[in-house]
Amino acid sequence: MSTLTNVIPASQRKVVYAVFAVIGVLLGAVQVAYGAADTDQPTWLIVTWAVYGFLSGAVGATAGSNTPADSAE
């Protein structure tokens, strides 16, 4: 049994993963907008992407550890 199993309760996992994905899409949209405007990215966006990238490892590991082994088809 993985140490990450049930770190996020099953009833809350789907919401947590959906919110995390929406945040990523929104951050990406903001970054694309700055790129399209040919404007320097603000420091808050650079820092936020760094933190988001760091947290994605933990979120992905938790998701993976809570996926049944027999579901890989």
PDB file of N, CA and C in Angstrom:
ATOM      1  N   MET A   1       0.846  -1.184   0.000  1.00  0.00           N
ATOM      2  CA  MET A   1       0.000   0.000   0.000  1.00  0.00           C
ATOM      3  C   MET A   1       0.889   1.244   0.000  1.00  0.00           C
ATOM      4  N   SER A   2       0.587   2.158  -0.899  1.00  0.00           N
ATOM      5  CA  SER A   2       1.367   3.372  -1.017  1.00  0.00           C
ATOM      6  C   SER A   2       1.092   4.305   0.162  1.00  0.00           C
ATOM      7  N   THR A   3       2.102   5.067   0.522  1.00  0.00           N
ATOM      8  CA  THR A   3       1.912   6.028   1.608  1.00  0.00           C
ATOM      9  C   THR A   3       1.009   7.183   1.180  1.00  0.00           C
ATOM     10  N   LEU A   4       0.777   7.345  -0.132  1.00  0.00           N
ATOM     11  CA  LEU A   4      -0.070   8.424  -0.612  1.00  0.00           C
ATOM     12  C   LEU A   4      -1.533   8.011  -0.772  1.00  0.00           C
ATOM     13  N   THR A   5      -1.821   6.731  -0.559  1.00  0.00           N
ATOM     14  CA  THR A   5      -3.188   6.272  -0.709  1.00  0.00           C
ATOM     15  C   THR A   5      -4.081   6.975   0.301  1.00  0.00           C
ATOM     16  N   ASN A   6      -5.136   7.530  -0.197  1.00  0.00           N
ATOM     17  CA  ASN A   6      -6.144   8.231   0.605  1.00  0.00           C
ATOM     18  C   ASN A   6      -5.628   9.484   1.324  1.00  0.00           C
ATOM     19  N   VAL A   7      -4.577  10.116   0.792  1.00  0.00           N
ATOM     20  CA  VAL A   7      -4.149  11.402   1.331  1.00  0.00           C
ATOM     21  C   VAL A   7      -5.280  12.406   1.129  1.00  0.00           C
ATOM     22  N   ILE A   8      -5.883  12.337  -0.048  1.00  0.00           N
ATOM     23  CA  ILE A   8      -7.082  13.121  -0.332  1.00  0.00           C
ATOM     24  C   ILE A   8      -8.241  12.133  -0.308  1.00  0.00           C
ATOM     25  N   PRO A   9      -9.242  12.340   0.541  1.00  0.00           N
ATOM     26  CA  PRO A   9     -10.356  11.400   0.611  1.00  0.00           C
ATOM     27  C   PRO A   9     -11.017  11.207  -0.752  1.00  0.00           C
ATOM     28  N   ALA A  10     -11.480   9.986  -1.014  1.00  0.00           N
ATOM     29  CA  ALA A  10     -12.068   9.653  -2.314  1.00  0.00           C
ATOM     30  C   ALA A  10     -13.192  10.601  -2.697  1.00  0.00           C
ATOM     31  N   SER A  11     -13.968  11.010  -1.740  1.00  0.00           N
ATOM     32  CA  SER A  11     -15.104  11.890  -2.032  1.00  0.00           C
ATOM     33  C   SER A  11     -14.660  13.281  -2.493  1.00  0.00           C
ATOM     34  N   GLN A  12     -13.424  13.657  -2.206  1.00  0.00           N
ATOM     35  CA  GLN A  12     -12.934  14.994  -2.551  1.00  0.00           C
ATOM     36  C   GLN A  12     -11.938  14.992  -3.706  1.00  0.00           C
ATOM     37  N   ARG A  13     -11.423  13.815  -4.083  1.00  0.00           N
ATOM     38  CA  ARG A  13     -10.388  13.757  -5.110  1.00  0.00           C
ATOM     39  C   ARG A  13     -10.814  14.346  -6.444  1.00  0.00           C
ATOM     40  N   LYS A  14     -12.002  13.984  -6.916  1.00  0.00           N
ATOM     41  CA  LYS A  14     -12.448  14.455  -8.219  1.00  0.00           C
ATOM     42  C   LYS A  14     -12.511  15.983  -8.240  1.00  0.00           C
ATOM     43  N   VAL A  15     -12.985  16.579  -7.178  1.00  0.00           N
ATOM     44  CA  VAL A  15     -13.072  18.042  -7.092  1.00  0.00           C
ATOM     45  C   VAL A  15     -11.676  18.652  -7.058  1.00  0.00           C
ATOM     46  N   VAL A  16     -10.797  18.090  -6.257  1.00  0.00           N
ATOM     47  CA  VAL A  16      -9.427  18.618  -6.147  1.00  0.00           C
ATOM     48  C   VAL A  16      -8.726  18.565  -7.492  1.00  0.00           C
ATOM     49  N   TYR A  17      -8.833  17.434  -8.190  1.00  0.00           N
ATOM     50  CA  TYR A  17      -8.172  17.298  -9.487  1.00  0.00           C
ATOM     51  C   TYR A  17      -8.778  18.231 -10.526  1.00  0.00           C
ATOM     52  N   ALA A  18     -10.106  18.411 -10.499  1.00  0.00           N
ATOM     53  CA  ALA A  18     -10.763  19.313 -11.446  1.00  0.00           C
ATOM     54  C   ALA A  18     -10.341  20.762 -11.204  1.00  0.00           C
ATOM     55  N   VAL A  19     -10.319  21.174  -9.948  1.00  0.00           N
ATOM     56  CA  VAL A  19      -9.897  22.537  -9.609  1.00  0.00           C
ATOM     57  C   VAL A  19      -8.445  22.759 -10.016  1.00  0.00           C
ATOM     58  N   PHE A  20      -7.590  21.778  -9.769  1.00  0.00           N
ATOM     59  CA  PHE A  20      -6.182  21.890 -10.137  1.00  0.00           C
ATOM     60  C   PHE A  20      -6.034  22.042 -11.651  1.00  0.00           C
ATOM     61  N   ALA A  21      -6.819  21.275 -12.409  1.00  0.00           N
ATOM     62  CA  ALA A  21      -6.768  21.363 -13.869  1.00  0.00           C
ATOM     63  C   ALA A  21      -7.264  22.728 -14.360  1.00  0.00           C
ATOM     64  N   VAL A  22      -8.326  23.227 -13.782  1.00  0.00           N
ATOM     65  CA  VAL A  22      -8.870  24.536 -14.181  1.00  0.00           C
ATOM     66  C   VAL A  22      -7.855  25.637 -13.890  1.00  0.00           C
ATOM     67  N   ILE A  23      -7.202  25.558 -12.756  1.00  0.00           N
ATOM     68  CA  ILE A  23      -6.164  26.548 -12.424  1.00  0.00           C
ATOM     69  C   ILE A  23      -5.060  26.520 -13.480  1.00  0.00           C
ATOM     70  N   GLY A  24      -4.653  25.328 -13.875  1.00  0.00           N
ATOM     71  CA  GLY A  24      -3.616  25.201 -14.898  1.00  0.00           C
ATOM     72  C   GLY A  24      -4.036  25.802 -16.226  1.00  0.00           C
ATOM     73  N   VAL A  25      -5.279  25.566 -16.626  1.00  0.00           N
ATOM     74  CA  VAL A  25      -5.778  26.129 -17.884  1.00  0.00           C
ATOM     75  C   VAL A  25      -5.835  27.656 -17.797  1.00  0.00           C
ATOM     76  N   LEU A  26      -6.305  28.172 -16.687  1.00  0.00           N
ATOM     77  CA  LEU A  26      -6.374  29.624 -16.522  1.00  0.00           C
ATOM     78  C   LEU A  26      -4.981  30.265 -16.524  1.00  0.00           C
ATOM     79  N   LEU A  27      -4.042  29.646 -15.828  1.00  0.00           N
ATOM     80  CA  LEU A  27      -2.671  30.165 -15.836  1.00  0.00           C
ATOM     81  C   LEU A  27      -2.086  30.131 -17.247  1.00  0.00           C
ATOM     82  N   GLY A  28      -2.354  29.052 -17.954  1.00  0.00           N
ATOM     83  CA  GLY A  28      -1.874  28.947 -19.332  1.00  0.00           C
ATOM     84  C   GLY A  28      -2.476  30.014 -20.220  1.00  0.00           C
ATOM     85  N   ALA A  29      -3.765  30.297 -20.046  1.00  0.00           N
ATOM     86  CA  ALA A  29      -4.428  31.333 -20.837  1.00  0.00           C
ATOM     87  C   ALA A  29      -3.822  32.707 -20.573  1.00  0.00           C
ATOM     88  N   VAL A  30      -3.534  32.986 -19.312  1.00  0.00           N
ATOM     89  CA  VAL A  30      -2.920  34.273 -18.967  1.00  0.00           C
ATOM     90  C   VAL A  30      -1.522  34.371 -19.585  1.00  0.00           C
ATOM     91  N   GLN A  31      -0.772  33.282 -19.523  1.00  0.00           N
ATOM     92  CA  GLN A  31       0.573  33.297 -20.090  1.00  0.00           C
ATOM     93  C   GLN A  31       0.522  33.481 -21.608  1.00  0.00           C
ATOM     94  N   VAL A  32      -0.418  32.812 -22.269  1.00  0.00           N
ATOM     95  CA  VAL A  32      -0.578  32.970 -23.717  1.00  0.00           C
ATOM     96  C   VAL A  32      -0.970  34.409 -24.055  1.00  0.00           C
ATOM     97  N   ALA A  33      -1.824  35.005 -23.242  1.00  0.00           N
ATOM     98  CA  ALA A  33      -2.242  36.388 -23.487  1.00  0.00           C
ATOM     99  C   ALA A  33      -1.051  37.340 -23.413  1.00  0.00           C
ATOM    100  N   TYR A  34      -0.215  37.159 -22.414  1.00  0.00           N
ATOM    101  CA  TYR A  34       0.979  38.012 -22.323  1.00  0.00           C
ATOM    102  C   TYR A  34       1.899  37.781 -23.516  1.00  0.00           C
ATOM    103  N   GLY A  35       2.024  36.532 -23.947  1.00  0.00           N
ATOM    104  CA  GLY A  35       2.856  36.243 -25.115  1.00  0.00           C
ATOM    105  C   GLY A  35       2.292  36.857 -26.387  1.00  0.00           C
ATOM    106  N   ALA A  36       0.981  36.776 -26.555  1.00  0.00           N
ATOM    107  CA  ALA A  36       0.338  37.343 -27.745  1.00  0.00           C
ATOM    108  C   ALA A  36       0.458  38.860 -27.772  1.00  0.00           C
ATOM    109  N   ALA A  37       0.447  39.466 -26.599  1.00  0.00           N
ATOM    110  CA  ALA A  37       0.579  40.921 -26.502  1.00  0.00           C
ATOM    111  C   ALA A  37       2.038  41.359 -26.602  1.00  0.00           C
ATOM    112  N   ASP A  38       2.930  40.382 -26.700  1.00  0.00           N
ATOM    113  CA  ASP A  38       4.372  40.655 -26.768  1.00  0.00           C
ATOM    114  C   ASP A  38       4.819  41.543 -25.608  1.00  0.00           C
ATOM    115  N   THR A  39       4.326  41.151 -24.415  1.00  0.00           N
ATOM    116  CA  THR A  39       4.617  41.876 -23.185  1.00  0.00           C
ATOM    117  C   THR A  39       5.366  40.951 -22.237  1.00  0.00           C
ATOM    118  N   ASP A  40       6.263  41.518 -21.445  1.00  0.00           N
ATOM    119  CA  ASP A  40       6.963  40.709 -20.452  1.00  0.00           C
ATOM    120  C   ASP A  40       5.965  40.127 -19.455  1.00  0.00           C
ATOM    121  N   GLN A  41       6.229  38.900 -19.060  1.00  0.00           N
ATOM    122  CA  GLN A  41       5.364  38.258 -18.065  1.00  0.00           C
ATOM    123  C   GLN A  41       5.636  38.856 -16.691  1.00  0.00           C
ATOM    124  N   PRO A  42       4.580  39.099 -15.920  1.00  0.00           N
ATOM    125  CA  PRO A  42       4.776  39.653 -14.581  1.00  0.00           C
ATOM    126  C   PRO A  42       5.400  38.617 -13.643  1.00  0.00           C
ATOM    127  N   THR A  43       6.051  39.101 -12.639  1.00  0.00           N
ATOM    128  CA  THR A  43       6.716  38.222 -11.675  1.00  0.00           C
ATOM    129  C   THR A  43       5.734  37.272 -11.009  1.00  0.00           C
ATOM    130  N   TRP A  44       4.523  37.738 -10.689  1.00  0.00           N
ATOM    131  CA  TRP A  44       3.554  36.871 -10.015  1.00  0.00           C
ATOM    132  C   TRP A  44       3.211  35.650 -10.876  1.00  0.00           C
ATOM    133  N   LEU A  45       3.170  35.834 -12.203  1.00  0.00           N
ATOM    134  CA  LEU A  45       2.848  34.719 -13.085  1.00  0.00           C
ATOM    135  C   LEU A  45       3.999  33.715 -13.139  1.00  0.00           C
ATOM    136  N   ILE A  46       5.198  34.194 -13.196  1.00  0.00           N
ATOM    137  CA  ILE A  46       6.369  33.314 -13.215  1.00  0.00           C
ATOM    138  C   ILE A  46       6.448  32.514 -11.918  1.00  0.00           C
ATOM    139  N   VAL A  47       6.248  33.180 -10.786  1.00  0.00           N
ATOM    140  CA  VAL A  47       6.302  32.512  -9.486  1.00  0.00           C
ATOM    141  C   VAL A  47       5.144  31.518  -9.349  1.00  0.00           C
ATOM    142  N   THR A  48       3.952  31.910  -9.797  1.00  0.00           N
ATOM    143  CA  THR A  48       2.795  31.030  -9.702  1.00  0.00           C
ATOM    144  C   THR A  48       3.004  29.767 -10.526  1.00  0.00           C
ATOM    145  N   TRP A  49       3.571  29.883 -11.723  1.00  0.00           N
ATOM    146  CA  TRP A  49       3.849  28.699 -12.543  1.00  0.00           C
ATOM    147  C   TRP A  49       4.878  27.794 -11.866  1.00  0.00           C
ATOM    148  N   ALA A  50       5.857  28.380 -11.216  1.00  0.00           N
ATOM    149  CA  ALA A  50       6.858  27.568 -10.521  1.00  0.00           C
ATOM    150  C   ALA A  50       6.221  26.773  -9.386  1.00  0.00           C
ATOM    151  N   VAL A  51       5.373  27.414  -8.612  1.00  0.00           N
ATOM    152  CA  VAL A  51       4.696  26.738  -7.500  1.00  0.00           C
ATOM    153  C   VAL A  51       3.717  25.696  -8.033  1.00  0.00           C
ATOM    154  N   TYR A  52       2.983  26.037  -9.077  1.00  0.00           N
ATOM    155  CA  TYR A  52       2.030  25.091  -9.682  1.00  0.00           C
ATOM    156  C   TYR A  52       2.771  23.849 -10.191  1.00  0.00           C
ATOM    157  N   GLY A  53       3.882  24.055 -10.843  1.00  0.00           N
ATOM    158  CA  GLY A  53       4.686  22.928 -11.323  1.00  0.00           C
ATOM    159  C   GLY A  53       5.187  22.056 -10.187  1.00  0.00           C
ATOM    160  N   PHE A  54       5.593  22.663  -9.117  1.00  0.00           N
ATOM    161  CA  PHE A  54       6.049  21.912  -7.940  1.00  0.00           C
ATOM    162  C   PHE A  54       4.908  21.083  -7.363  1.00  0.00           C
ATOM    163  N   LEU A  55       3.730  21.696  -7.212  1.00  0.00           N
ATOM    164  CA  LEU A  55       2.585  20.998  -6.640  1.00  0.00           C
ATOM    165  C   LEU A  55       2.051  19.895  -7.555  1.00  0.00           C
ATOM    166  N   SER A  56       2.247  20.030  -8.856  1.00  0.00           N
ATOM    167  CA  SER A  56       1.710  19.029  -9.779  1.00  0.00           C
ATOM    168  C   SER A  56       2.338  17.660  -9.556  1.00  0.00           C
ATOM    169  N   GLY A  57       3.546  17.621  -9.088  1.00  0.00           N
ATOM    170  CA  GLY A  57       4.165  16.328  -8.767  1.00  0.00           C
ATOM    171  C   GLY A  57       3.426  15.624  -7.644  1.00  0.00           C
ATOM    172  N   ALA A  58       3.078  16.364  -6.616  1.00  0.00           N
ATOM    173  CA  ALA A  58       2.351  15.779  -5.490  1.00  0.00           C
ATOM    174  C   ALA A  58       0.939  15.371  -5.896  1.00  0.00           C
ATOM    175  N   VAL A  59       0.277  16.210  -6.684  1.00  0.00           N
ATOM    176  CA  VAL A  59      -1.082  15.892  -7.124  1.00  0.00           C
ATOM    177  C   VAL A  59      -1.061  14.662  -8.025  1.00  0.00           C
ATOM    178  N   GLY A  60      -0.118  14.607  -8.944  1.00  0.00           N
ATOM    179  CA  GLY A  60      -0.010  13.453  -9.835  1.00  0.00           C
ATOM    180  C   GLY A  60       0.334  12.172  -9.092  1.00  0.00           C
ATOM    181  N   ALA A  61       1.224  12.258  -8.123  1.00  0.00           N
ATOM    182  CA  ALA A  61       1.586  11.074  -7.335  1.00  0.00           C
ATOM    183  C   ALA A  61       0.404  10.578  -6.514  1.00  0.00           C
ATOM    184  N   THR A  62      -0.364  11.508  -5.967  1.00  0.00           N
ATOM    185  CA  THR A  62      -1.553  11.111  -5.204  1.00  0.00           C
ATOM    186  C   THR A  62      -2.577  10.460  -6.124  1.00  0.00           C
ATOM    187  N   ALA A  63      -2.788  11.038  -7.295  1.00  0.00           N
ATOM    188  CA  ALA A  63      -3.739  10.454  -8.251  1.00  0.00           C
ATOM    189  C   ALA A  63      -3.287   9.067  -8.673  1.00  0.00           C
ATOM    190  N   GLY A  64      -2.016   8.935  -8.981  1.00  0.00           N
ATOM    191  CA  GLY A  64      -1.498   7.637  -9.397  1.00  0.00           C
ATOM    192  C   GLY A  64      -1.579   6.573  -8.322  1.00  0.00           C
ATOM    193  N   SER A  65      -1.335   6.960  -7.084  1.00  0.00           N
ATOM    194  CA  SER A  65      -1.364   5.979  -5.997  1.00  0.00           C
ATOM    195  C   SER A  65      -2.776   5.551  -5.655  1.00  0.00           C
ATOM    196  N   ASN A  66      -3.755   6.314  -6.085  1.00  0.00           N
ATOM    197  CA  ASN A  66      -5.149   5.974  -5.815  1.00  0.00           C
ATOM    198  C   ASN A  66      -5.853   5.369  -7.027  1.00  0.00           C
ATOM    199  N   THR A  67      -5.094   5.014  -8.042  1.00  0.00           N
ATOM    200  CA  THR A  67      -5.647   4.377  -9.232  1.00  0.00           C
ATOM    201  C   THR A  67      -5.477   2.872  -9.092  1.00  0.00           C
ATOM    202  N   PRO A  68      -6.582   2.111  -9.189  1.00  0.00           N
ATOM    203  CA  PRO A  68      -6.473   0.657  -9.086  1.00  0.00           C
ATOM    204  C   PRO A  68      -5.548   0.078 -10.150  1.00  0.00           C
ATOM    205  N   ALA A  69      -4.736  -0.872  -9.780  1.00  0.00           N
ATOM    206  CA  ALA A  69      -3.775  -1.463 -10.716  1.00  0.00           C
ATOM    207  C   ALA A  69      -4.465  -2.198 -11.855  1.00  0.00           C
ATOM    208  N   ASP A  70      -5.649  -2.744 -11.646  1.00  0.00           N
ATOM    209  CA  ASP A  70      -6.336  -3.497 -12.681  1.00  0.00           C
ATOM    210  C   ASP A  70      -7.109  -2.620 -13.651  1.00  0.00           C
ATOM    211  N   SER A  71      -7.076  -1.291 -13.486  1.00  0.00           N
ATOM    212  CA  SER A  71      -7.838  -0.411 -14.370  1.00  0.00           C
ATOM    213  C   SER A  71      -7.047  -0.018 -15.613  1.00  0.00           C
ATOM    214  N   ALA A  72      -5.774  -0.385 -15.689  1.00  0.00           N
ATOM    215  CA  ALA A  72      -4.951  -0.050 -16.851  1.00  0.00           C
ATOM    216  C   ALA A  72      -5.245  -1.017 -17.986  1.00  0.00           C
ATOM    217  N   GLU A  73      -6.081  -0.546 -18.908  1.00  0.00           N
ATOM    218  CA  GLU A  73      -6.444  -1.404 -20.038  1.00  0.00           C
ATOM    219  C   GLU A  73      -5.976  -0.799 -21.318  1.00  0.00           C
TER     220      GLU A  73
END
